[in-house]
Amino acid sequence: MSQYIHDTWGDSNGFLGGAVYSVAQSGDGYLWIGTERGLVRFDGFNYALIQRPIPDLPPTGPVRGLVSDAEGDVWVRLSGPRLLRYRDGRFDDAVSDFGLEAVTFTAMSSDNSGGMLLSGLGDRTVMR
């Protein structure tokens, strides 16, 4: 017989994020939580609000979506034309890395093989 453990984590346990919009796990084991207050990383014991993952860019603001891909990277969809990728312990500006400056993303998902599907305004769909 299997035994399941259920635990609830909230404000009293250090959760910092407010309303939750999405959740994803990266290949290094962190649980990433997209919230109205920003990006939250959970290591199994502690929460950390990541407000400025790339120092030269503005603070994240609300995180609209998170998706893990087949390589264990986590894609972070922010408001407007902002998209980050968490890979190997650091964040990249996916918008400039992949030449997507003119796209405002409205949705993202992984495909059947673990690739990324991004949809944006103006009939723009990007597969990675």
C-alpha atoms as a PDB file:
ATOM      1  CA  MET A   1       0.000   0.000   0.000  1.00  0.00           C
ATOM      2  CA  SER A   2       1.314   3.462  -0.933  1.00  0.00           C
ATOM      3  CA  GLN A   3       1.409   6.315   1.510  1.00  0.00           C
ATOM      4  CA  TYR A   4       1.119   9.902   0.379  1.00  0.00           C
ATOM      5  CA  ILE A   5       2.140  12.949   2.332  1.00  0.00           C
ATOM      6  CA  HIS A   6       0.324  16.222   1.851  1.00  0.00           C
ATOM      7  CA  ASP A   7       1.650  19.532   3.102  1.00  0.00           C
ATOM      8  CA  THR A   8       0.403  23.053   2.543  1.00  0.00           C
ATOM      9  CA  TRP A   9       2.820  25.938   2.078  1.00  0.00           C
ATOM     10  CA  GLY A  10       1.619  29.507   2.356  1.00  0.00           C
ATOM     11  CA  ASP A  11       2.393  32.867   3.916  1.00  0.00           C
ATOM     12  CA  SER A  12       3.049  31.289   7.315  1.00  0.00           C
ATOM     13  CA  ASN A  13       5.749  29.085   5.711  1.00  0.00           C
ATOM     14  CA  GLY A  14       7.486  31.934   3.894  1.00  0.00           C
ATOM     15  CA  PHE A  15       5.694  31.935   0.528  1.00  0.00           C
ATOM     16  CA  LEU A  16       6.204  35.395  -0.987  1.00  0.00           C
ATOM     17  CA  GLY A  17       4.304  35.486  -4.217  1.00  0.00           C
ATOM     18  CA  GLY A  18       0.571  36.200  -3.934  1.00  0.00           C
ATOM     19  CA  ALA A  19      -1.705  34.692  -6.595  1.00  0.00           C
ATOM     20  CA  VAL A  20      -0.074  31.800  -8.489  1.00  0.00           C
ATOM     21  CA  TYR A  21      -0.324  31.727 -12.308  1.00  0.00           C
ATOM     22  CA  SER A  22       1.976  28.808 -13.164  1.00  0.00           C
ATOM     23  CA  VAL A  23       4.423  26.233 -11.804  1.00  0.00           C
ATOM     24  CA  ALA A  24       7.360  24.414 -13.448  1.00  0.00           C
ATOM     25  CA  GLN A  25      10.375  22.403 -12.333  1.00  0.00           C
ATOM     26  CA  SER A  26      13.862  22.919 -13.751  1.00  0.00           C
ATOM     27  CA  GLY A  27      16.364  20.152 -14.455  1.00  0.00           C
ATOM     28  CA  ASP A  28      18.369  21.110 -11.343  1.00  0.00           C
ATOM     29  CA  GLY A  29      15.356  20.340  -9.122  1.00  0.00           C
ATOM     30  CA  TYR A  30      14.107  23.824  -8.272  1.00  0.00           C
ATOM     31  CA  LEU A  31      10.381  24.429  -8.319  1.00  0.00           C
ATOM     32  CA  TRP A  32       9.589  27.735 -10.057  1.00  0.00           C
ATOM     33  CA  ILE A  33       6.349  29.526  -9.280  1.00  0.00           C
ATOM     34  CA  GLY A  34       4.997  32.316 -11.477  1.00  0.00           C
ATOM     35  CA  THR A  35       3.017  34.761  -9.364  1.00  0.00           C
ATOM     36  CA  GLU A  36       1.446  38.201  -9.475  1.00  0.00           C
ATOM     37  CA  ARG A  37       4.449  39.513  -7.487  1.00  0.00           C
ATOM     38  CA  GLY A  38       7.087  37.887  -9.710  1.00  0.00           C
ATOM     39  CA  LEU A  39       9.165  34.755 -10.033  1.00  0.00           C
ATOM     40  CA  VAL A  40       9.549  32.581  -6.946  1.00  0.00           C
ATOM     41  CA  ARG A  41      12.101  29.759  -6.578  1.00  0.00           C
ATOM     42  CA  PHE A  42      11.443  26.969  -4.090  1.00  0.00           C
ATOM     43  CA  ASP A  43      14.232  24.557  -3.129  1.00  0.00           C
ATOM     44  CA  GLY A  44      12.080  22.277  -0.992  1.00  0.00           C
ATOM     45  CA  PHE A  45      12.690  24.287   2.174  1.00  0.00           C
ATOM     46  CA  ASN A  46      12.832  28.006   1.323  1.00  0.00           C
ATOM     47  CA  TYR A  47      11.190  30.445  -1.059  1.00  0.00           C
ATOM     48  CA  ALA A  48      13.165  33.180  -2.826  1.00  0.00           C
ATOM     49  CA  LEU A  49      11.526  35.986  -4.801  1.00  0.00           C
ATOM     50  CA  ILE A  50      13.688  36.576  -7.891  1.00  0.00           C
ATOM     51  CA  GLN A  51      12.911  40.180  -8.827  1.00  0.00           C
ATOM     52  CA  ARG A  52      15.813  40.969 -11.166  1.00  0.00           C
ATOM     53  CA  PRO A  53      17.253  37.727 -12.628  1.00  0.00           C
ATOM     54  CA  ILE A  54      19.229  39.691 -15.237  1.00  0.00           C
ATOM     55  CA  PRO A  55      20.747  42.824 -13.661  1.00  0.00           C
ATOM     56  CA  ASP A  56      20.639  44.937 -16.867  1.00  0.00           C
ATOM     57  CA  LEU A  57      16.920  44.315 -17.438  1.00  0.00           C
ATOM     58  CA  PRO A  58      13.925  45.739 -15.526  1.00  0.00           C
ATOM     59  CA  PRO A  59      12.411  43.743 -12.635  1.00  0.00           C
ATOM     60  CA  THR A  60      10.246  40.843 -13.744  1.00  0.00           C
ATOM     61  CA  GLY A  61       6.862  42.014 -12.487  1.00  0.00           C
ATOM     62  CA  PRO A  62       4.063  39.447 -12.780  1.00  0.00           C
ATOM     63  CA  VAL A  63       5.036  36.106 -14.322  1.00  0.00           C
ATOM     64  CA  ARG A  64       2.358  35.104 -16.844  1.00  0.00           C
ATOM     65  CA  GLY A  65       3.590  31.587 -17.607  1.00  0.00           C
ATOM     66  CA  LEU A  66       6.284  28.977 -16.973  1.00  0.00           C
ATOM     67  CA  VAL A  67       7.141  25.922 -19.065  1.00  0.00           C
ATOM     68  CA  SER A  68       9.876  23.300 -18.696  1.00  0.00           C
ATOM     69  CA  ASP A  69      11.353  21.934 -21.905  1.00  0.00           C
ATOM     70  CA  ALA A  70      12.953  18.561 -22.675  1.00  0.00           C
ATOM     71  CA  GLU A  71      16.419  19.862 -21.694  1.00  0.00           C
ATOM     72  CA  GLY A  72      15.246  20.898 -18.209  1.00  0.00           C
ATOM     73  CA  ASP A  73      15.301  24.606 -19.036  1.00  0.00           C
ATOM     74  CA  VAL A  74      12.465  26.754 -17.705  1.00  0.00           C
ATOM     75  CA  TRP A  75      10.955  29.429 -19.942  1.00  0.00           C
ATOM     76  CA  VAL A  76       9.495  32.428 -18.129  1.00  0.00           C
ATOM     77  CA  ARG A  77       6.816  34.490 -19.906  1.00  0.00           C
ATOM     78  CA  LEU A  78       6.533  37.999 -18.520  1.00  0.00           C
ATOM     79  CA  SER A  79       4.190  40.835 -19.473  1.00  0.00           C
ATOM     80  CA  GLY A  80       4.587  42.288 -22.968  1.00  0.00           C
ATOM     81  CA  PRO A  81       7.514  41.312 -25.178  1.00  0.00           C
ATOM     82  CA  ARG A  82       9.559  39.744 -22.384  1.00  0.00           C
ATOM     83  CA  LEU A  83      10.697  36.141 -22.231  1.00  0.00           C
ATOM     84  CA  LEU A  84      13.469  34.651 -20.099  1.00  0.00           C
ATOM     85  CA  ARG A  85      15.089  31.225 -20.088  1.00  0.00           C
ATOM     86  CA  TYR A  86      16.623  29.605 -16.996  1.00  0.00           C
ATOM     87  CA  ARG A  87      19.411  27.235 -17.994  1.00  0.00           C
ATOM     88  CA  ASP A  88      22.378  25.823 -16.087  1.00  0.00           C
ATOM     89  CA  GLY A  89      21.789  28.030 -13.047  1.00  0.00           C
ATOM     90  CA  ARG A  90      21.452  31.343 -14.859  1.00  0.00           C
ATOM     91  CA  PHE A  91      18.923  33.406 -16.800  1.00  0.00           C
ATOM     92  CA  ASP A  92      19.104  34.511 -20.432  1.00  0.00           C
ATOM     93  CA  ASP A  93      17.050  37.139 -22.252  1.00  0.00           C
ATOM     94  CA  ALA A  94      15.363  34.814 -24.755  1.00  0.00           C
ATOM     95  CA  VAL A  95      13.840  37.737 -26.664  1.00  0.00           C
ATOM     96  CA  SER A  96      17.219  39.105 -27.755  1.00  0.00           C
ATOM     97  CA  ASP A  97      18.934  35.680 -27.960  1.00  0.00           C
ATOM     98  CA  PHE A  98      16.386  34.398 -30.482  1.00  0.00           C
ATOM     99  CA  GLY A  99      15.556  37.662 -32.301  1.00  0.00           C
ATOM    100  CA  LEU A 100      11.992  37.940 -31.011  1.00  0.00           C
ATOM    101  CA  GLU A 101      11.981  41.669 -30.204  1.00  0.00           C
ATOM    102  CA  ALA A 102       8.815  42.443 -32.167  1.00  0.00           C
ATOM    103  CA  VAL A 103       6.636  39.766 -30.518  1.00  0.00           C
ATOM    104  CA  THR A 104       4.325  40.219 -27.529  1.00  0.00           C
ATOM    105  CA  PHE A 105       3.762  36.695 -26.242  1.00  0.00           C
ATOM    106  CA  THR A 106       0.272  35.653 -25.215  1.00  0.00           C
ATOM    107  CA  ALA A 107       0.727  31.916 -24.593  1.00  0.00           C
ATOM    108  CA  MET A 108       3.340  29.175 -24.425  1.00  0.00           C
ATOM    109  CA  SER A 109       3.399  25.440 -24.030  1.00  0.00           C
ATOM    110  CA  SER A 110       5.625  22.443 -24.610  1.00  0.00           C
ATOM    111  CA  ASP A 111       5.007  20.195 -27.587  1.00  0.00           C
ATOM    112  CA  ASN A 112       4.930  16.372 -27.587  1.00  0.00           C
ATOM    113  CA  SER A 113       8.729  16.123 -27.841  1.00  0.00           C
ATOM    114  CA  GLY A 114       9.434  18.673 -25.098  1.00  0.00           C
ATOM    115  CA  GLY A 115      10.115  21.599 -27.435  1.00  0.00           C
ATOM    116  CA  MET A 116       8.675  25.061 -26.921  1.00  0.00           C
ATOM    117  CA  LEU A 117       5.661  26.548 -28.633  1.00  0.00           C
ATOM    118  CA  LEU A 118       5.249  30.309 -28.249  1.00  0.00           C
ATOM    119  CA  SER A 119       2.313  32.279 -29.539  1.00  0.00           C
ATOM    120  CA  GLY A 120       2.203  36.032 -29.875  1.00  0.00           C
ATOM    121  CA  LEU A 121       0.132  38.898 -31.138  1.00  0.00           C
ATOM    122  CA  GLY A 122       0.020  39.447 -34.887  1.00  0.00           C
ATOM    123  CA  ASP A 123      -0.244  35.779 -35.904  1.00  0.00           C
ATOM    124  CA  ARG A 124       3.253  34.968 -34.664  1.00  0.00           C
ATOM    125  CA  THR A 125       3.974  31.390 -33.603  1.00  0.00           C
ATOM    126  CA  VAL A 126       7.494  30.320 -32.707  1.00  0.00           C
ATOM    127  CA  MET A 127       8.702  26.758 -32.205  1.00  0.00           C
ATOM    128  CA  ARG A 128      11.987  26.046 -30.457  1.00  0.00           C
END
